[in-house]
């Protein structure tokens, strides 16, 4: 089953107790853009890197594990 990366980002953000405004400031974008990120199943790797660093989370590891499970 494919991972919906936007939903995973939202889940991590909520688990960490951060607000959308905090997150938008950390990745240097608007709150509107953050909600668009949450809606996306796919994401640019450079943006994913910024998001991962802001949240202290390795999303590449998550994607890699999912890839291995599907192979």
N, C-alpha and C. Protein backbone atom coordinates (compact mmCIF):
# COMPACT_ATOMS: atom_id res chain seq x y z
N UNK A 1 0.84 -1.18 0.00
CA UNK A 1 0.00 0.00 0.00
C UNK A 1 0.88 1.25 0.00
N UNK A 2 0.61 2.15 -0.89
CA UNK A 2 1.40 3.38 -1.01
C UNK A 2 1.16 4.30 0.19
N UNK A 3 2.19 5.01 0.53
CA UNK A 3 2.11 5.96 1.64
C UNK A 3 1.63 7.31 1.11
N UNK A 4 0.69 7.91 1.81
CA UNK A 4 0.25 9.28 1.52
C UNK A 4 1.15 10.18 2.36
N UNK A 5 2.19 10.72 1.75
CA UNK A 5 3.21 11.44 2.51
C UNK A 5 2.66 12.68 3.21
N UNK A 6 1.70 13.35 2.59
CA UNK A 6 1.10 14.52 3.23
C UNK A 6 0.41 14.18 4.54
N UNK A 7 -0.30 13.05 4.55
CA UNK A 7 -0.96 12.61 5.78
C UNK A 7 0.06 12.21 6.83
N UNK A 8 1.16 11.60 6.41
CA UNK A 8 2.21 11.24 7.36
C UNK A 8 2.85 12.47 7.99
N UNK A 9 3.07 13.49 7.18
CA UNK A 9 3.63 14.75 7.70
C UNK A 9 2.67 15.36 8.71
N UNK A 10 1.39 15.38 8.39
CA UNK A 10 0.39 15.92 9.32
C UNK A 10 0.36 15.12 10.62
N UNK A 11 0.45 13.80 10.51
CA UNK A 11 0.42 12.93 11.69
C UNK A 11 1.61 13.22 12.61
N UNK A 12 2.80 13.33 12.02
CA UNK A 12 4.00 13.62 12.82
C UNK A 12 3.89 14.99 13.47
N UNK A 13 3.42 15.97 12.73
CA UNK A 13 3.26 17.32 13.26
C UNK A 13 2.33 17.30 14.48
N UNK A 14 1.21 16.59 14.36
CA UNK A 14 0.25 16.51 15.47
C UNK A 14 0.85 15.76 16.66
N UNK A 15 1.53 14.63 16.38
CA UNK A 15 2.14 13.86 17.47
C UNK A 15 3.14 14.69 18.25
N UNK A 16 3.85 15.55 17.54
CA UNK A 16 4.85 16.40 18.19
C UNK A 16 4.23 17.61 18.88
N UNK A 17 2.94 17.85 18.64
CA UNK A 17 2.24 18.95 19.31
C UNK A 17 2.51 20.32 18.74
N UNK A 18 2.96 20.37 17.49
CA UNK A 18 3.25 21.66 16.86
C UNK A 18 2.05 22.17 16.07
N UNK A 19 1.94 23.47 15.96
CA UNK A 19 0.86 24.08 15.20
C UNK A 19 1.25 24.20 13.72
N UNK A 20 0.25 24.41 12.89
CA UNK A 20 0.49 24.63 11.47
C UNK A 20 1.29 25.91 11.27
N UNK A 21 1.03 26.92 12.06
CA UNK A 21 1.77 28.18 11.96
C UNK A 21 3.24 27.97 12.29
N UNK A 22 3.52 27.22 13.36
CA UNK A 22 4.91 26.91 13.71
C UNK A 22 5.60 26.21 12.56
N UNK A 23 4.93 25.21 12.01
CA UNK A 23 5.48 24.42 10.92
C UNK A 23 5.73 25.27 9.67
N UNK A 24 4.78 26.11 9.32
CA UNK A 24 4.94 27.00 8.16
C UNK A 24 6.16 27.90 8.33
N UNK A 25 6.34 28.43 9.51
CA UNK A 25 7.51 29.27 9.78
C UNK A 25 8.81 28.48 9.67
N UNK A 26 8.81 27.24 10.16
CA UNK A 26 10.02 26.41 10.12
C UNK A 26 10.44 26.06 8.70
N UNK A 27 9.46 25.86 7.81
CA UNK A 27 9.81 25.49 6.43
C UNK A 27 9.70 26.66 5.46
N UNK A 28 9.49 27.84 6.01
CA UNK A 28 9.48 29.09 5.24
C UNK A 28 8.43 29.10 4.13
N UNK A 29 7.19 28.86 4.53
CA UNK A 29 6.08 28.95 3.57
C UNK A 29 4.83 29.42 4.31
N UNK A 30 3.75 29.58 3.57
CA UNK A 30 2.50 30.04 4.16
C UNK A 30 1.71 28.87 4.76
N UNK A 31 0.77 29.20 5.63
CA UNK A 31 -0.12 28.18 6.18
C UNK A 31 -0.92 27.51 5.07
N UNK A 32 -1.33 28.29 4.08
CA UNK A 32 -2.07 27.74 2.95
C UNK A 32 -1.26 26.66 2.24
N UNK A 33 0.02 26.92 2.06
CA UNK A 33 0.88 25.95 1.40
C UNK A 33 1.04 24.69 2.26
N UNK A 34 1.07 24.84 3.57
CA UNK A 34 1.16 23.68 4.46
C UNK A 34 -0.05 22.77 4.26
N UNK A 35 -1.24 23.36 4.17
CA UNK A 35 -2.43 22.54 3.96
C UNK A 35 -2.40 21.84 2.59
N UNK A 36 -1.79 22.47 1.61
CA UNK A 36 -1.61 21.82 0.31
C UNK A 36 -0.64 20.66 0.42
N UNK A 37 0.40 20.82 1.24
CA UNK A 37 1.34 19.72 1.48
C UNK A 37 0.61 18.53 2.10
N UNK A 38 -0.24 18.80 3.10
CA UNK A 38 -0.99 17.74 3.75
C UNK A 38 -1.87 16.98 2.76
N UNK A 39 -2.37 17.65 1.74
CA UNK A 39 -3.27 17.03 0.76
C UNK A 39 -2.53 16.20 -0.29
N UNK A 40 -1.22 16.40 -0.42
CA UNK A 40 -0.46 15.73 -1.48
C UNK A 40 -0.03 14.33 -1.09
N UNK A 41 -0.22 13.39 -2.02
CA UNK A 41 0.29 12.03 -1.84
C UNK A 41 1.78 11.99 -2.12
N UNK A 42 2.27 12.88 -2.98
CA UNK A 42 3.67 12.93 -3.38
C UNK A 42 4.23 14.30 -3.04
N UNK A 43 5.56 14.35 -2.90
CA UNK A 43 6.19 15.61 -2.54
C UNK A 43 7.61 15.67 -3.12
N UNK A 44 8.03 16.86 -3.47
CA UNK A 44 9.37 17.10 -3.98
C UNK A 44 10.40 16.71 -2.91
N UNK A 45 11.48 16.07 -3.32
CA UNK A 45 12.46 15.59 -2.35
C UNK A 45 13.14 16.72 -1.58
N UNK A 46 13.37 17.86 -2.23
CA UNK A 46 14.00 18.98 -1.51
C UNK A 46 13.08 19.52 -0.44
N UNK A 47 11.79 19.60 -0.74
CA UNK A 47 10.82 20.05 0.26
C UNK A 47 10.72 19.01 1.37
N UNK A 48 10.72 17.73 1.01
CA UNK A 48 10.66 16.67 2.02
C UNK A 48 11.87 16.74 2.95
N UNK A 49 13.01 17.08 2.40
CA UNK A 49 14.21 17.24 3.22
C UNK A 49 14.03 18.38 4.23
N UNK A 50 13.53 19.53 3.78
CA UNK A 50 13.28 20.66 4.69
C UNK A 50 12.29 20.28 5.77
N UNK A 51 11.23 19.57 5.37
CA UNK A 51 10.20 19.16 6.32
C UNK A 51 10.78 18.20 7.35
N UNK A 52 11.54 17.23 6.88
CA UNK A 52 12.14 16.26 7.78
C UNK A 52 13.07 16.91 8.78
N UNK A 53 13.85 17.86 8.32
CA UNK A 53 14.76 18.57 9.23
C UNK A 53 13.98 19.40 10.26
N UNK A 54 12.92 20.05 9.81
CA UNK A 54 12.11 20.87 10.72
C UNK A 54 11.45 20.01 11.79
N UNK A 55 11.00 18.81 11.41
CA UNK A 55 10.29 17.95 12.34
C UNK A 55 11.21 16.94 13.04
N UNK A 56 12.47 16.90 12.61
CA UNK A 56 13.39 15.92 13.19
C UNK A 56 12.96 14.50 12.89
N UNK A 57 12.47 14.29 11.67
CA UNK A 57 11.94 12.97 11.29
C UNK A 57 12.49 12.56 9.93
N UNK A 58 12.87 11.29 9.81
CA UNK A 58 13.41 10.76 8.56
C UNK A 58 12.29 10.13 7.73
N UNK A 59 11.69 10.92 6.86
CA UNK A 59 10.61 10.41 6.02
C UNK A 59 11.15 9.47 4.94
N UNK A 60 12.41 9.61 4.59
CA UNK A 60 13.01 8.72 3.59
C UNK A 60 13.05 7.29 4.12
N UNK A 61 13.31 7.14 5.40
CA UNK A 61 13.31 5.82 6.01
C UNK A 61 11.93 5.18 5.91
N UNK A 62 10.90 5.96 6.19
CA UNK A 62 9.52 5.49 6.09
C UNK A 62 9.21 5.03 4.67
N UNK A 63 9.59 5.83 3.69
CA UNK A 63 9.34 5.49 2.29
C UNK A 63 10.13 4.25 1.87
N UNK A 64 11.35 4.15 2.35
CA UNK A 64 12.19 3.00 2.03
C UNK A 64 11.60 1.71 2.59
N UNK A 65 11.15 1.74 3.82
CA UNK A 65 10.53 0.57 4.43
C UNK A 65 9.29 0.15 3.67
N UNK A 66 8.49 1.12 3.25
CA UNK A 66 7.28 0.83 2.48
C UNK A 66 7.65 0.19 1.14
N UNK A 67 8.70 0.69 0.51
CA UNK A 67 9.16 0.16 -0.77
C UNK A 67 9.57 -1.30 -0.59
N UNK A 68 10.33 -1.59 0.47
CA UNK A 68 10.80 -2.95 0.72
C UNK A 68 9.63 -3.91 0.98
N UNK A 69 8.60 -3.43 1.67
CA UNK A 69 7.44 -4.26 1.95
C UNK A 69 6.66 -4.59 0.68
N UNK A 70 6.65 -3.65 -0.25
CA UNK A 70 5.89 -3.86 -1.50
C UNK A 70 6.67 -4.68 -2.52
N UNK A 71 7.99 -4.75 -2.37
CA UNK A 71 8.82 -5.47 -3.35
C UNK A 71 8.70 -6.97 -3.24
